[in-house]
Amino acid sequence: MKLAVIVDSKTGNTRQAADWIVQGMNRVGNAEAKAFTIPEVDEDFVKEARGIVIGSPSYAAQMTPDLHTWMMSSAGKLGFAGKLGGAFATEQFTHGGGETVIQSILTIEMVNGMLCYSGGGACGMPVIHLGPVGVNDNVEKHNGMVYYKNNFIAFGERFAKKAADICR
């Protein structure tokens, strides 16, 4: 079962989060998960994927313009419709708009016919309602992506399990 994680990453933090999600996905039986930045997307792999998770850094509390443009131009040709979708974000400040970023990604996924995943509180701790958010340590020196690693791994594993359950 192929699963794709696609990101726009400006400083490497969002790519790091994508790699952790892939790590969690690949813990699940027959999952073959790969992460791609926008320029390196393997279109054939994504077309075959049963699920796609998309991530972005918060850019003025929204996904990056590059990711938005890519999603709008690629959803149809990559066959988003009918696939399981998910989202995540990174931000420079604890209240930097990560959840707004996730909501905007999920909205585009739903508009393109994806079934969007949220484990919410059903999976226990850590509770991840819409998708994981990580705060980098570029500005908040007391914070850092490493503190959010387990949330991204857990999200990836849960996403892959759900994809296996519903995409047989």
N, C-alpha and C. Protein backbone atom coordinates (compact mmCIF):
# COMPACT_ATOMS: atom_id res chain seq x y z
N MET A 1 0.85 -1.17 0.00
CA MET A 1 0.00 0.00 0.00
C MET A 1 0.90 1.23 0.00
N LYS A 2 0.82 2.01 -1.06
CA LYS A 2 1.64 3.22 -1.17
C LYS A 2 0.95 4.40 -0.48
N LEU A 3 1.75 5.18 0.22
CA LEU A 3 1.29 6.40 0.90
C LEU A 3 2.31 7.49 0.62
N ALA A 4 1.82 8.68 0.31
CA ALA A 4 2.70 9.80 -0.03
C ALA A 4 2.53 10.93 0.97
N VAL A 5 3.64 11.56 1.27
CA VAL A 5 3.64 12.77 2.09
C VAL A 5 4.31 13.85 1.23
N ILE A 6 3.58 14.93 0.99
CA ILE A 6 4.05 15.98 0.09
C ILE A 6 4.10 17.30 0.86
N VAL A 7 5.23 18.00 0.74
CA VAL A 7 5.42 19.22 1.53
C VAL A 7 6.04 20.34 0.72
N ASP A 8 5.80 21.54 1.20
CA ASP A 8 6.62 22.67 0.85
C ASP A 8 7.43 22.94 2.12
N SER A 9 8.72 23.06 1.98
CA SER A 9 9.58 23.26 3.16
C SER A 9 10.58 24.34 2.84
N LYS A 10 10.59 25.37 3.66
CA LYS A 10 11.48 26.51 3.43
C LYS A 10 12.78 26.41 4.23
N THR A 11 12.71 25.89 5.46
CA THR A 11 13.89 25.84 6.32
C THR A 11 14.30 24.42 6.68
N GLY A 12 13.55 23.43 6.21
CA GLY A 12 13.85 22.04 6.52
C GLY A 12 13.02 21.46 7.64
N ASN A 13 12.33 22.29 8.42
CA ASN A 13 11.51 21.79 9.52
C ASN A 13 10.30 20.99 9.03
N THR A 14 9.64 21.47 7.99
CA THR A 14 8.46 20.77 7.48
C THR A 14 8.89 19.47 6.82
N ARG A 15 10.01 19.47 6.15
CA ARG A 15 10.53 18.22 5.56
C ARG A 15 10.87 17.23 6.67
N GLN A 16 11.44 17.71 7.78
CA GLN A 16 11.74 16.83 8.91
C GLN A 16 10.47 16.19 9.44
N ALA A 17 9.42 16.99 9.59
CA ALA A 17 8.14 16.46 10.05
C ALA A 17 7.61 15.42 9.08
N ALA A 18 7.74 15.66 7.78
CA ALA A 18 7.30 14.70 6.77
C ALA A 18 8.05 13.38 6.92
N ASP A 19 9.33 13.44 7.16
CA ASP A 19 10.12 12.22 7.33
C ASP A 19 9.67 11.44 8.56
N TRP A 20 9.32 12.15 9.64
CA TRP A 20 8.81 11.46 10.83
C TRP A 20 7.46 10.81 10.55
N ILE A 21 6.59 11.47 9.79
CA ILE A 21 5.30 10.87 9.43
C ILE A 21 5.54 9.60 8.62
N VAL A 22 6.45 9.65 7.66
CA VAL A 22 6.79 8.47 6.85
C VAL A 22 7.32 7.36 7.75
N GLN A 23 8.13 7.71 8.73
CA GLN A 23 8.65 6.71 9.68
C GLN A 23 7.48 5.99 10.36
N GLY A 24 6.49 6.74 10.82
CA GLY A 24 5.32 6.13 11.45
C GLY A 24 4.52 5.29 10.47
N MET A 25 4.33 5.78 9.26
CA MET A 25 3.58 5.03 8.24
C MET A 25 4.23 3.69 7.95
N ASN A 26 5.55 3.69 7.83
CA ASN A 26 6.27 2.47 7.47
C ASN A 26 6.32 1.45 8.59
N ARG A 27 5.81 1.78 9.76
CA ARG A 27 5.67 0.81 10.84
C ARG A 27 4.49 -0.13 10.61
N VAL A 28 3.62 0.24 9.70
CA VAL A 28 2.39 -0.53 9.46
C VAL A 28 2.62 -1.53 8.34
N GLY A 29 2.38 -2.80 8.66
CA GLY A 29 2.46 -3.93 7.75
C GLY A 29 2.98 -3.70 6.35
N ASN A 30 2.07 -3.53 5.42
CA ASN A 30 2.46 -3.47 4.01
C ASN A 30 2.60 -2.05 3.48
N ALA A 31 2.78 -1.08 4.35
CA ALA A 31 2.89 0.31 3.92
C ALA A 31 4.24 0.56 3.26
N GLU A 32 4.18 1.29 2.16
CA GLU A 32 5.38 1.80 1.50
C GLU A 32 5.17 3.30 1.38
N ALA A 33 5.74 4.04 2.31
CA ALA A 33 5.52 5.49 2.36
C ALA A 33 6.78 6.22 1.94
N LYS A 34 6.56 7.34 1.24
CA LYS A 34 7.66 8.20 0.80
C LYS A 34 7.26 9.65 0.96
N ALA A 35 8.25 10.49 1.28
CA ALA A 35 8.03 11.93 1.39
C ALA A 35 8.66 12.63 0.20
N PHE A 36 7.99 13.68 -0.25
CA PHE A 36 8.47 14.46 -1.39
C PHE A 36 8.26 15.95 -1.11
N THR A 37 9.22 16.77 -1.51
CA THR A 37 8.96 18.20 -1.59
C THR A 37 8.30 18.43 -2.96
N ILE A 38 7.67 19.57 -3.13
CA ILE A 38 6.93 19.84 -4.37
C ILE A 38 7.78 19.58 -5.62
N PRO A 39 9.00 20.09 -5.70
CA PRO A 39 9.76 19.88 -6.94
C PRO A 39 10.14 18.42 -7.21
N GLU A 40 10.16 17.59 -6.16
CA GLU A 40 10.61 16.21 -6.35
C GLU A 40 9.47 15.18 -6.35
N VAL A 41 8.23 15.63 -6.46
CA VAL A 41 7.10 14.70 -6.41
C VAL A 41 7.22 13.65 -7.52
N ASP A 42 7.11 12.39 -7.13
CA ASP A 42 7.06 11.27 -8.07
C ASP A 42 5.60 11.07 -8.44
N GLU A 43 5.18 11.61 -9.56
CA GLU A 43 3.76 11.61 -9.93
C GLU A 43 3.20 10.20 -10.05
N ASP A 44 3.95 9.26 -10.58
CA ASP A 44 3.46 7.88 -10.69
C ASP A 44 3.21 7.28 -9.31
N PHE A 45 4.12 7.51 -8.38
CA PHE A 45 3.96 7.00 -7.02
C PHE A 45 2.70 7.60 -6.39
N VAL A 46 2.52 8.91 -6.52
CA VAL A 46 1.37 9.58 -5.91
C VAL A 46 0.06 9.09 -6.54
N LYS A 47 0.04 8.88 -7.83
CA LYS A 47 -1.17 8.37 -8.50
C LYS A 47 -1.57 7.01 -7.95
N GLU A 48 -0.58 6.18 -7.61
CA GLU A 48 -0.85 4.84 -7.08
C GLU A 48 -1.13 4.84 -5.57
N ALA A 49 -0.78 5.92 -4.90
CA ALA A 49 -0.93 5.97 -3.43
C ALA A 49 -2.39 5.91 -3.02
N ARG A 50 -2.65 5.21 -1.93
CA ARG A 50 -4.01 5.16 -1.36
C ARG A 50 -4.29 6.35 -0.47
N GLY A 51 -3.25 6.97 0.03
CA GLY A 51 -3.40 8.12 0.90
C GLY A 51 -2.31 9.13 0.67
N ILE A 52 -2.66 10.40 0.87
CA ILE A 52 -1.72 11.50 0.70
C ILE A 52 -1.85 12.44 1.90
N VAL A 53 -0.74 12.72 2.54
CA VAL A 53 -0.69 13.70 3.61
C VAL A 53 0.11 14.89 3.08
N ILE A 54 -0.43 16.09 3.27
CA ILE A 54 0.20 17.29 2.75
C ILE A 54 0.55 18.22 3.91
N GLY A 55 1.75 18.79 3.86
CA GLY A 55 2.19 19.67 4.94
C GLY A 55 2.81 20.95 4.44
N SER A 56 2.70 21.97 5.29
CA SER A 56 3.22 23.29 4.94
C SER A 56 3.66 24.02 6.20
N PRO A 57 4.67 24.87 6.05
CA PRO A 57 4.93 25.81 7.14
C PRO A 57 3.84 26.87 7.13
N SER A 58 3.62 27.47 8.27
CA SER A 58 2.66 28.57 8.35
C SER A 58 3.27 29.81 7.74
N TYR A 59 2.56 30.36 6.79
CA TYR A 59 3.01 31.56 6.10
C TYR A 59 1.87 32.56 6.23
N ALA A 60 1.99 33.49 7.17
CA ALA A 60 0.91 34.43 7.49
C ALA A 60 -0.36 33.66 7.86
N ALA A 61 -0.20 32.60 8.66
CA ALA A 61 -1.28 31.74 9.14
C ALA A 61 -2.01 31.02 8.01
N GLN A 62 -1.35 30.82 6.89
CA GLN A 62 -1.90 30.07 5.76
C GLN A 62 -0.81 29.13 5.24
N MET A 63 -1.21 28.18 4.37
CA MET A 63 -0.19 27.38 3.70
C MET A 63 0.61 28.31 2.78
N THR A 64 1.76 27.88 2.37
CA THR A 64 2.57 28.72 1.50
C THR A 64 1.87 28.91 0.15
N PRO A 65 2.11 30.04 -0.50
CA PRO A 65 1.53 30.24 -1.84
C PRO A 65 1.97 29.15 -2.83
N ASP A 66 3.21 28.69 -2.72
CA ASP A 66 3.69 27.64 -3.62
C ASP A 66 2.89 26.35 -3.44
N LEU A 67 2.60 25.98 -2.19
CA LEU A 67 1.82 24.76 -1.95
C LEU A 67 0.40 24.93 -2.45
N HIS A 68 -0.20 26.07 -2.19
CA HIS A 68 -1.57 26.31 -2.66
C HIS A 68 -1.64 26.18 -4.18
N THR A 69 -0.73 26.82 -4.87
CA THR A 69 -0.70 26.75 -6.33
C THR A 69 -0.51 25.31 -6.80
N TRP A 70 0.40 24.60 -6.15
CA TRP A 70 0.65 23.21 -6.53
C TRP A 70 -0.59 22.35 -6.31
N MET A 71 -1.25 22.49 -5.17
CA MET A 71 -2.45 21.68 -4.90
C MET A 71 -3.53 21.96 -5.94
N MET A 72 -3.75 23.23 -6.24
CA MET A 72 -4.81 23.59 -7.18
C MET A 72 -4.52 23.06 -8.58
N SER A 73 -3.26 23.00 -8.96
CA SER A 73 -2.93 22.55 -10.31
C SER A 73 -2.70 21.05 -10.41
N SER A 74 -2.45 20.36 -9.29
CA SER A 74 -2.06 18.96 -9.34
C SER A 74 -3.12 17.97 -8.88
N ALA A 75 -4.11 18.42 -8.11
CA ALA A 75 -5.08 17.49 -7.51
C ALA A 75 -5.76 16.61 -8.56
N GLY A 76 -6.18 17.20 -9.65
CA GLY A 76 -6.86 16.42 -10.68
C GLY A 76 -5.96 15.44 -11.39
N LYS A 77 -4.80 15.90 -11.83
CA LYS A 77 -3.91 15.02 -12.59
C LYS A 77 -3.28 13.92 -11.74
N LEU A 78 -3.21 14.13 -10.42
CA LEU A 78 -2.64 13.12 -9.53
C LEU A 78 -3.70 12.23 -8.89
N GLY A 79 -4.96 12.46 -9.22
CA GLY A 79 -6.02 11.57 -8.76
C GLY A 79 -6.30 11.64 -7.27
N PHE A 80 -6.40 12.85 -6.72
CA PHE A 80 -6.72 12.99 -5.30
C PHE A 80 -8.08 12.37 -4.95
N ALA A 81 -9.04 12.46 -5.84
CA ALA A 81 -10.40 12.00 -5.56
C ALA A 81 -10.40 10.54 -5.13
N GLY A 82 -11.10 10.28 -4.03
CA GLY A 82 -11.25 8.93 -3.52
C GLY A 82 -10.13 8.46 -2.62
N LYS A 83 -9.07 9.22 -2.49
CA LYS A 83 -7.96 8.83 -1.62
C LYS A 83 -8.18 9.36 -0.21
N LEU A 84 -7.48 8.76 0.74
CA LEU A 84 -7.47 9.26 2.10
C LEU A 84 -6.51 10.45 2.16
N GLY A 85 -6.94 11.54 2.76
CA GLY A 85 -6.12 12.74 2.84
C GLY A 85 -5.83 13.12 4.28
N GLY A 86 -4.74 13.77 4.48
CA GLY A 86 -4.37 14.27 5.80
C GLY A 86 -3.51 15.51 5.64
N ALA A 87 -3.28 16.20 6.75
CA ALA A 87 -2.52 17.45 6.71
C ALA A 87 -1.75 17.65 8.00
N PHE A 88 -0.69 18.46 7.89
CA PHE A 88 0.08 18.86 9.06
C PHE A 88 0.74 20.20 8.77
N ALA A 89 1.28 20.79 9.81
CA ALA A 89 1.91 22.11 9.65
C ALA A 89 3.07 22.26 10.61
N THR A 90 3.93 23.20 10.26
CA THR A 90 4.97 23.67 11.17
C THR A 90 4.83 25.17 11.27
N GLU A 91 5.35 25.72 12.36
CA GLU A 91 5.22 27.16 12.59
C GLU A 91 6.40 27.64 13.41
N GLN A 92 6.66 28.95 13.35
CA GLN A 92 7.78 29.51 14.10
C GLN A 92 7.40 29.91 15.51
N PHE A 93 6.12 30.10 15.77
CA PHE A 93 5.65 30.52 17.09
C PHE A 93 4.59 29.55 17.58
N THR A 94 4.48 29.38 18.88
CA THR A 94 3.50 28.48 19.45
C THR A 94 2.09 28.75 18.91
N HIS A 95 1.76 30.00 18.70
CA HIS A 95 0.44 30.34 18.17
C HIS A 95 0.58 30.96 16.79
N GLY A 96 1.30 30.25 15.91
CA GLY A 96 1.65 30.78 14.61
C GLY A 96 0.71 30.43 13.47
N GLY A 97 -0.44 29.86 13.78
CA GLY A 97 -1.42 29.60 12.73
C GLY A 97 -1.41 28.20 12.14
N GLY A 98 -0.72 27.27 12.79
CA GLY A 98 -0.63 25.91 12.26
C GLY A 98 -1.96 25.24 12.00
N GLU A 99 -2.92 25.39 12.91
CA GLU A 99 -4.23 24.76 12.71
C GLU A 99 -4.98 25.37 11.54
N THR A 100 -4.79 26.67 11.32
CA THR A 100 -5.41 27.31 10.16
C THR A 100 -4.82 26.76 8.87
N VAL A 101 -3.52 26.54 8.87
CA VAL A 101 -2.86 25.94 7.71
C VAL A 101 -3.47 24.56 7.43
N ILE A 102 -3.58 23.76 8.47
CA ILE A 102 -4.14 22.41 8.31
C ILE A 102 -5.56 22.48 7.76
N GLN A 103 -6.38 23.36 8.31
CA GLN A 103 -7.76 23.47 7.84
C GLN A 103 -7.82 23.85 6.37
N SER A 104 -6.93 24.74 5.92
CA SER A 104 -6.96 25.15 4.51
C SER A 104 -6.52 24.00 3.60
N ILE A 105 -5.56 23.21 4.04
CA ILE A 105 -5.15 22.04 3.25
C ILE A 105 -6.29 21.02 3.19
N LEU A 106 -6.90 20.72 4.34
CA LEU A 106 -7.99 19.75 4.37
C LEU A 106 -9.17 20.21 3.50
N THR A 107 -9.44 21.50 3.48
CA THR A 107 -10.53 22.02 2.66
C THR A 107 -10.28 21.73 1.18
N ILE A 108 -9.07 22.01 0.72
CA ILE A 108 -8.76 21.73 -0.69
C ILE A 108 -8.82 20.23 -0.96
N GLU A 109 -8.37 19.42 -0.02
CA GLU A 109 -8.45 17.97 -0.19
C GLU A 109 -9.92 17.53 -0.33
N MET A 110 -10.78 18.03 0.55
CA MET A 110 -12.19 17.64 0.49
C MET A 110 -12.86 18.11 -0.79
N VAL A 111 -12.57 19.34 -1.21
CA VAL A 111 -13.14 19.87 -2.45
C VAL A 111 -12.74 19.00 -3.64
N ASN A 112 -11.57 18.36 -3.53
CA ASN A 112 -11.10 17.49 -4.61
C ASN A 112 -11.47 16.02 -4.39
N GLY A 113 -12.42 15.77 -3.51
CA GLY A 113 -12.97 14.43 -3.36
C GLY A 113 -12.22 13.48 -2.45
N MET A 114 -11.35 14.01 -1.63
CA MET A 114 -10.63 13.15 -0.70
C MET A 114 -11.44 12.93 0.58
N LEU A 115 -11.24 11.80 1.18
CA LEU A 115 -11.79 11.49 2.50
C LEU A 115 -10.71 11.85 3.49
N CYS A 116 -10.95 12.85 4.34
CA CYS A 116 -9.90 13.38 5.21
C CYS A 116 -9.87 12.69 6.56
N TYR A 117 -8.66 12.40 7.00
CA TYR A 117 -8.44 11.66 8.23
C TYR A 117 -8.22 12.57 9.43
N SER A 118 -8.82 12.18 10.53
CA SER A 118 -8.51 12.76 11.82
C SER A 118 -8.74 11.68 12.87
N GLY A 119 -7.70 11.35 13.59
CA GLY A 119 -7.87 10.40 14.67
C GLY A 119 -8.57 11.02 15.86
N GLY A 120 -8.50 12.36 15.94
CA GLY A 120 -9.13 13.06 17.04
C GLY A 120 -8.76 12.45 18.38
N GLY A 121 -9.71 12.37 19.26
CA GLY A 121 -9.48 11.78 20.56
C GLY A 121 -9.68 10.27 20.57
N ALA A 122 -10.12 9.70 19.45
CA ALA A 122 -10.43 8.27 19.39
C ALA A 122 -9.21 7.39 19.56
N CYS A 123 -8.03 7.91 19.27
CA CYS A 123 -6.81 7.10 19.32
C CYS A 123 -6.05 7.26 20.63
N GLY A 124 -6.56 8.04 21.54
CA GLY A 124 -5.87 8.25 22.80
C GLY A 124 -4.75 9.26 22.67
N MET A 125 -3.80 9.16 23.57
CA MET A 125 -2.69 10.11 23.60
C MET A 125 -1.63 9.72 22.59
N PRO A 126 -0.99 10.63 21.92
CA PRO A 126 -1.32 12.04 21.93
C PRO A 126 -2.57 12.31 21.10
N VAL A 127 -3.42 13.20 21.60
CA VAL A 127 -4.63 13.58 20.87
C VAL A 127 -4.21 14.52 19.74
N ILE A 128 -4.58 14.14 18.52
CA ILE A 128 -4.25 14.95 17.33
C ILE A 128 -5.55 15.15 16.57
N HIS A 129 -6.20 16.28 16.79
CA HIS A 129 -7.53 16.48 16.22
C HIS A 129 -7.52 16.60 14.70
N LEU A 130 -6.87 17.59 14.15
CA LEU A 130 -6.91 17.82 12.70
C LEU A 130 -5.65 17.33 12.00
N GLY A 131 -4.55 17.39 12.68
CA GLY A 131 -3.25 17.00 12.16
C GLY A 131 -2.20 17.57 13.09
N PRO A 132 -1.02 17.02 13.08
CA PRO A 132 0.01 17.50 14.00
C PRO A 132 0.60 18.83 13.57
N VAL A 133 0.99 19.60 14.57
CA VAL A 133 1.66 20.89 14.36
C VAL A 133 2.95 20.86 15.17
N GLY A 134 4.03 21.28 14.54
CA GLY A 134 5.32 21.38 15.24
C GLY A 134 5.82 22.81 15.22
N VAL A 135 6.45 23.21 16.32
CA VAL A 135 7.02 24.55 16.42
C VAL A 135 8.54 24.41 16.33
N ASN A 136 9.13 25.15 15.39
CA ASN A 136 10.58 25.05 15.26
C ASN A 136 11.26 25.98 16.25
N ASP A 137 12.56 25.83 16.37
CA ASP A 137 13.29 26.64 17.35
C ASP A 137 14.01 27.82 16.71
N ASN A 138 13.56 28.25 15.54
CA ASN A 138 14.16 29.41 14.89
C ASN A 138 13.95 30.69 15.71
N VAL A 139 12.79 30.80 16.35
CA VAL A 139 12.45 32.00 17.11
C VAL A 139 12.33 31.67 18.59
N GLU A 140 11.56 30.66 18.92
CA GLU A 140 11.35 30.27 20.32
C GLU A 140 12.43 29.27 20.71
N LYS A 141 13.49 29.76 21.29
CA LYS A 141 14.64 28.90 21.60
C LYS A 141 14.32 27.82 22.63
N HIS A 142 13.27 28.01 23.41
CA HIS A 142 12.87 27.00 24.39
C HIS A 142 12.06 25.88 23.73
N ASN A 143 11.73 26.05 22.48
CA ASN A 143 10.89 25.10 21.76
C ASN A 143 11.75 24.39 20.73
N GLY A 144 11.15 23.55 19.93
CA GLY A 144 11.91 22.89 18.87
C GLY A 144 11.17 21.69 18.33
N MET A 145 11.45 21.38 17.07
CA MET A 145 10.76 20.29 16.40
C MET A 145 10.91 18.96 17.14
N VAL A 146 12.04 18.74 17.78
CA VAL A 146 12.26 17.47 18.47
C VAL A 146 11.18 17.18 19.51
N TYR A 147 10.59 18.22 20.08
CA TYR A 147 9.54 18.03 21.08
C TYR A 147 8.24 17.51 20.47
N TYR A 148 8.11 17.59 19.15
CA TYR A 148 6.89 17.19 18.46
C TYR A 148 7.07 15.91 17.64
N LYS A 149 8.26 15.37 17.66
CA LYS A 149 8.59 14.19 16.85
C LYS A 149 7.59 13.05 17.06
N ASN A 150 7.31 12.71 18.30
CA ASN A 150 6.42 11.57 18.57
C ASN A 150 5.01 11.80 18.06
N ASN A 151 4.55 13.04 18.04
CA ASN A 151 3.22 13.34 17.49
C ASN A 151 3.18 13.06 15.99
N PHE A 152 4.24 13.45 15.29
CA PHE A 152 4.28 13.22 13.84
C PHE A 152 4.37 11.72 13.54
N ILE A 153 5.18 11.00 14.29
CA ILE A 153 5.30 9.56 14.09
C ILE A 153 3.96 8.88 14.38
N ALA A 154 3.32 9.25 15.48
CA ALA A 154 2.02 8.66 15.83
C ALA A 154 0.98 8.95 14.75
N PHE A 155 0.95 10.17 14.24
CA PHE A 155 0.01 10.52 13.19
C PHE A 155 0.24 9.66 11.95
N GLY A 156 1.50 9.50 11.56
CA GLY A 156 1.81 8.67 10.40
C GLY A 156 1.35 7.24 10.56
N GLU A 157 1.60 6.67 11.72
CA GLU A 157 1.19 5.29 11.97
C GLU A 157 -0.33 5.16 11.97
N ARG A 158 -1.01 6.08 12.61
CA ARG A 158 -2.48 6.04 12.64
C ARG A 158 -3.07 6.23 11.25
N PHE A 159 -2.51 7.15 10.47
CA PHE A 159 -2.98 7.39 9.11
C PHE A 159 -2.84 6.11 8.28
N ALA A 160 -1.68 5.46 8.36
CA ALA A 160 -1.45 4.24 7.59
C ALA A 160 -2.40 3.13 8.00
N LYS A 161 -2.67 3.00 9.29
CA LYS A 161 -3.61 1.97 9.75
C LYS A 161 -5.00 2.24 9.20
N LYS A 162 -5.43 3.50 9.20
CA LYS A 162 -6.74 3.85 8.67
C LYS A 162 -6.79 3.60 7.17
N ALA A 163 -5.73 3.96 6.46
CA ALA A 163 -5.68 3.71 5.02
C ALA A 163 -5.79 2.21 4.72
N ALA A 164 -5.14 1.39 5.53
CA ALA A 164 -5.23 -0.05 5.34
C ALA A 164 -6.65 -0.56 5.62
N ASP A 165 -7.31 0.02 6.62
CA ASP A 165 -8.67 -0.40 6.97
C ASP A 165 -9.69 -0.07 5.88
N ILE A 166 -9.59 1.13 5.31
CA ILE A 166 -10.66 1.57 4.41
C ILE A 166 -10.33 1.46 2.93
N CYS A 167 -9.10 1.20 2.61
CA CYS A 167 -8.68 1.19 1.19
C CYS A 167 -8.25 -0.21 0.77
N ARG A 168 -9.10 -1.17 0.99
CA ARG A 168 -8.73 -2.56 0.64
C ARG A 168 -9.04 -2.87 -0.79
